[in-house]
Amino acid sequence: MNDKTMVADTLTGINGELVRFGEMISQTENQQLKQTLKQMRNQCEMSQEEIYRIARERGYYVPASMATKEEVDHVRQVVGKE
């Protein structure tokens, strides 16, 4: 397995964990557990950002181009957030 594949697999795994943390946080009523899950999610987000930075630096990931003002305005109009 090469570095690019390992980085991509790691990002995929972390992104899945972030989704699961969000689900768990919203479903628990125990405030202590909720706070612990939020801390774990924050640590996971920091890891994701670090791996993403490495992927960009090594050319493993090229982000999509920035949306134009018109595209952003269109999305806002569609979702009713003007």
N, C-alpha and C. Protein backbone atom coordinates (compact mmCIF):
# COMPACT_ATOMS: atom_id res chain seq x y z
N MET A 1 0.85 -1.17 0.00
CA MET A 1 0.00 0.00 0.00
C MET A 1 0.90 1.23 0.00
N ASN A 2 0.56 2.22 -0.83
CA ASN A 2 1.40 3.42 -0.90
C ASN A 2 0.89 4.52 0.02
N ASP A 3 1.72 5.57 0.18
CA ASP A 3 1.36 6.67 1.08
C ASP A 3 0.04 7.32 0.71
N LYS A 4 -0.17 7.55 -0.58
CA LYS A 4 -1.38 8.23 -1.03
C LYS A 4 -2.63 7.44 -0.62
N THR A 5 -2.59 6.14 -0.77
CA THR A 5 -3.72 5.29 -0.41
C THR A 5 -3.94 5.31 1.10
N MET A 6 -2.87 5.26 1.86
CA MET A 6 -3.00 5.28 3.32
C MET A 6 -3.58 6.61 3.81
N VAL A 7 -3.15 7.71 3.22
CA VAL A 7 -3.68 9.02 3.61
C VAL A 7 -5.17 9.10 3.25
N ALA A 8 -5.53 8.65 2.06
CA ALA A 8 -6.93 8.68 1.64
C ALA A 8 -7.79 7.80 2.55
N ASP A 9 -7.31 6.63 2.88
CA ASP A 9 -8.06 5.73 3.77
C ASP A 9 -8.21 6.34 5.16
N THR A 10 -7.16 6.99 5.64
CA THR A 10 -7.21 7.63 6.95
C THR A 10 -8.24 8.75 6.96
N LEU A 11 -8.24 9.59 5.92
CA LEU A 11 -9.23 10.67 5.84
C LEU A 11 -10.65 10.12 5.78
N THR A 12 -10.84 9.07 5.02
CA THR A 12 -12.17 8.45 4.93
C THR A 12 -12.62 7.96 6.30
N GLY A 13 -11.73 7.31 7.01
CA GLY A 13 -12.06 6.80 8.35
C GLY A 13 -12.38 7.92 9.32
N ILE A 14 -11.57 8.96 9.32
CA ILE A 14 -11.79 10.09 10.22
C ILE A 14 -13.12 10.77 9.89
N ASN A 15 -13.40 10.97 8.62
CA ASN A 15 -14.65 11.61 8.24
C ASN A 15 -15.85 10.79 8.71
N GLY A 16 -15.75 9.48 8.64
CA GLY A 16 -16.81 8.61 9.15
C GLY A 16 -16.98 8.75 10.65
N GLU A 17 -15.85 8.85 11.36
CA GLU A 17 -15.91 9.04 12.81
C GLU A 17 -16.60 10.35 13.16
N LEU A 18 -16.29 11.40 12.41
CA LEU A 18 -16.91 12.70 12.67
C LEU A 18 -18.43 12.63 12.51
N VAL A 19 -18.89 11.91 11.51
CA VAL A 19 -20.33 11.73 11.31
C VAL A 19 -20.93 11.01 12.51
N ARG A 20 -20.29 9.94 12.94
CA ARG A 20 -20.80 9.17 14.07
C ARG A 20 -20.80 9.99 15.36
N PHE A 21 -19.75 10.79 15.59
CA PHE A 21 -19.74 11.64 16.77
C PHE A 21 -20.93 12.60 16.74
N GLY A 22 -21.20 13.20 15.60
CA GLY A 22 -22.34 14.11 15.48
C GLY A 22 -23.65 13.42 15.80
N GLU A 23 -23.80 12.20 15.33
CA GLU A 23 -25.01 11.43 15.62
C GLU A 23 -25.13 11.14 17.11
N MET A 24 -24.03 10.71 17.72
CA MET A 24 -24.07 10.36 19.14
C MET A 24 -24.33 11.59 20.01
N ILE A 25 -23.69 12.70 19.68
CA ILE A 25 -23.87 13.92 20.46
C ILE A 25 -25.32 14.35 20.46
N SER A 26 -25.95 14.30 19.30
CA SER A 26 -27.33 14.76 19.21
C SER A 26 -28.32 13.80 19.85
N GLN A 27 -27.92 12.57 20.10
CA GLN A 27 -28.85 11.57 20.62
C GLN A 27 -28.72 11.31 22.11
N THR A 28 -27.72 11.88 22.76
CA THR A 28 -27.57 11.62 24.20
C THR A 28 -28.15 12.76 25.02
N GLU A 29 -28.74 12.40 26.13
CA GLU A 29 -29.26 13.40 27.06
C GLU A 29 -28.30 13.63 28.22
N ASN A 30 -27.36 12.72 28.41
CA ASN A 30 -26.40 12.82 29.50
C ASN A 30 -25.39 13.92 29.15
N GLN A 31 -25.43 15.02 29.91
CA GLN A 31 -24.59 16.18 29.59
C GLN A 31 -23.10 15.88 29.73
N GLN A 32 -22.73 15.05 30.68
CA GLN A 32 -21.31 14.71 30.85
C GLN A 32 -20.83 13.90 29.64
N LEU A 33 -21.63 12.94 29.22
CA LEU A 33 -21.28 12.15 28.04
C LEU A 33 -21.25 13.03 26.80
N LYS A 34 -22.22 13.93 26.67
CA LYS A 34 -22.27 14.84 25.52
C LYS A 34 -21.00 15.67 25.45
N GLN A 35 -20.56 16.19 26.62
CA GLN A 35 -19.35 17.01 26.64
C GLN A 35 -18.11 16.19 26.28
N THR A 36 -18.04 14.96 26.77
CA THR A 36 -16.92 14.07 26.44
C THR A 36 -16.90 13.79 24.95
N LEU A 37 -18.05 13.51 24.37
CA LEU A 37 -18.13 13.23 22.94
C LEU A 37 -17.73 14.45 22.12
N LYS A 38 -18.10 15.64 22.58
CA LYS A 38 -17.70 16.87 21.87
C LYS A 38 -16.19 17.05 21.90
N GLN A 39 -15.57 16.74 23.05
CA GLN A 39 -14.11 16.84 23.14
C GLN A 39 -13.45 15.84 22.21
N MET A 40 -14.00 14.63 22.17
CA MET A 40 -13.45 13.61 21.27
C MET A 40 -13.62 14.03 19.81
N ARG A 41 -14.78 14.60 19.48
CA ARG A 41 -15.01 15.08 18.12
C ARG A 41 -14.02 16.18 17.76
N ASN A 42 -13.77 17.10 18.70
CA ASN A 42 -12.82 18.18 18.43
C ASN A 42 -11.42 17.64 18.17
N GLN A 43 -11.00 16.65 18.93
CA GLN A 43 -9.69 16.03 18.70
C GLN A 43 -9.66 15.35 17.33
N CYS A 44 -10.75 14.71 16.98
CA CYS A 44 -10.85 14.04 15.68
C CYS A 44 -10.77 15.07 14.55
N GLU A 45 -11.44 16.22 14.73
CA GLU A 45 -11.39 17.28 13.72
C GLU A 45 -9.97 17.80 13.55
N MET A 46 -9.24 17.95 14.65
CA MET A 46 -7.85 18.41 14.55
C MET A 46 -7.00 17.40 13.79
N SER A 47 -7.23 16.12 14.02
CA SER A 47 -6.51 15.07 13.28
C SER A 47 -6.85 15.14 11.80
N GLN A 48 -8.13 15.34 11.50
CA GLN A 48 -8.56 15.41 10.11
C GLN A 48 -7.89 16.59 9.40
N GLU A 49 -7.83 17.73 10.08
CA GLU A 49 -7.19 18.91 9.49
C GLU A 49 -5.71 18.67 9.23
N GLU A 50 -5.04 17.98 10.14
CA GLU A 50 -3.61 17.68 9.97
C GLU A 50 -3.38 16.72 8.80
N ILE A 51 -4.17 15.68 8.72
CA ILE A 51 -4.02 14.73 7.61
C ILE A 51 -4.36 15.41 6.29
N TYR A 52 -5.39 16.24 6.28
CA TYR A 52 -5.76 17.00 5.08
C TYR A 52 -4.60 17.89 4.63
N ARG A 53 -3.96 18.57 5.59
CA ARG A 53 -2.83 19.45 5.27
C ARG A 53 -1.69 18.63 4.63
N ILE A 54 -1.41 17.48 5.20
CA ILE A 54 -0.37 16.61 4.66
C ILE A 54 -0.73 16.17 3.24
N ALA A 55 -1.98 15.80 3.04
CA ALA A 55 -2.43 15.36 1.71
C ALA A 55 -2.27 16.47 0.68
N ARG A 56 -2.62 17.69 1.05
CA ARG A 56 -2.46 18.83 0.13
C ARG A 56 -1.00 19.10 -0.16
N GLU A 57 -0.16 19.09 0.88
CA GLU A 57 1.26 19.37 0.70
C GLU A 57 1.92 18.37 -0.23
N ARG A 58 1.52 17.12 -0.15
CA ARG A 58 2.13 16.07 -0.96
C ARG A 58 1.46 15.90 -2.33
N GLY A 59 0.43 16.70 -2.57
CA GLY A 59 -0.26 16.62 -3.86
C GLY A 59 -1.20 15.44 -3.98
N TYR A 60 -1.57 14.84 -2.85
CA TYR A 60 -2.49 13.70 -2.86
C TYR A 60 -3.93 14.16 -3.00
N TYR A 61 -4.18 15.42 -2.65
CA TYR A 61 -5.53 15.95 -2.69
C TYR A 61 -5.50 17.34 -3.28
N VAL A 62 -6.33 17.58 -4.27
CA VAL A 62 -6.47 18.90 -4.85
C VAL A 62 -7.93 19.32 -4.66
N PRO A 63 -8.16 20.35 -3.85
CA PRO A 63 -9.55 20.74 -3.58
C PRO A 63 -10.21 21.34 -4.82
N ALA A 64 -11.52 21.30 -4.82
CA ALA A 64 -12.28 21.91 -5.91
C ALA A 64 -12.05 23.42 -5.87
N SER A 65 -12.28 24.06 -6.99
CA SER A 65 -12.12 25.51 -7.03
C SER A 65 -13.21 26.18 -6.18
N MET A 66 -12.91 27.39 -5.76
CA MET A 66 -13.85 28.14 -4.93
C MET A 66 -15.11 28.45 -5.72
N ALA A 67 -16.23 28.43 -5.04
CA ALA A 67 -17.51 28.76 -5.67
C ALA A 67 -17.53 30.26 -5.99
N THR A 68 -18.18 30.59 -7.09
CA THR A 68 -18.32 32.00 -7.44
C THR A 68 -19.41 32.62 -6.57
N LYS A 69 -19.46 33.93 -6.54
CA LYS A 69 -20.49 34.63 -5.80
C LYS A 69 -21.87 34.23 -6.31
N GLU A 70 -21.98 34.09 -7.62
CA GLU A 70 -23.27 33.70 -8.21
C GLU A 70 -23.70 32.31 -7.75
N GLU A 71 -22.75 31.38 -7.67
CA GLU A 71 -23.07 30.03 -7.21
C GLU A 71 -23.51 30.03 -5.75
N VAL A 72 -22.81 30.81 -4.93
CA VAL A 72 -23.17 30.92 -3.52
C VAL A 72 -24.56 31.54 -3.38
N ASP A 73 -24.81 32.61 -4.13
CA ASP A 73 -26.12 33.26 -4.09
C ASP A 73 -27.23 32.31 -4.51
N HIS A 74 -26.96 31.51 -5.53
CA HIS A 74 -27.96 30.54 -6.02
C HIS A 74 -28.29 29.52 -4.93
N VAL A 75 -27.27 29.00 -4.27
CA VAL A 75 -27.50 28.01 -3.21
C VAL A 75 -28.28 28.65 -2.06
N ARG A 76 -27.93 29.87 -1.71
CA ARG A 76 -28.66 30.57 -0.64
C ARG A 76 -30.14 30.73 -1.02
N GLN A 77 -30.38 31.04 -2.27
CA GLN A 77 -31.75 31.23 -2.74
C GLN A 77 -32.51 29.90 -2.68
N VAL A 78 -31.86 28.82 -3.10
CA VAL A 78 -32.50 27.50 -3.12
C VAL A 78 -32.87 27.04 -1.71
N VAL A 79 -31.98 27.28 -0.75
CA VAL A 79 -32.25 26.83 0.61
C VAL A 79 -32.95 27.88 1.45
N GLY A 80 -33.23 29.04 0.84
CA GLY A 80 -34.00 30.07 1.53
C GLY A 80 -33.24 30.82 2.60
N LYS A 81 -31.94 31.01 2.40
CA LYS A 81 -31.10 31.69 3.40
C LYS A 81 -30.60 33.02 2.87
N GLU A 82 -31.46 33.84 2.33
CA GLU A 82 -31.01 35.14 1.82
C GLU A 82 -31.07 36.21 2.85
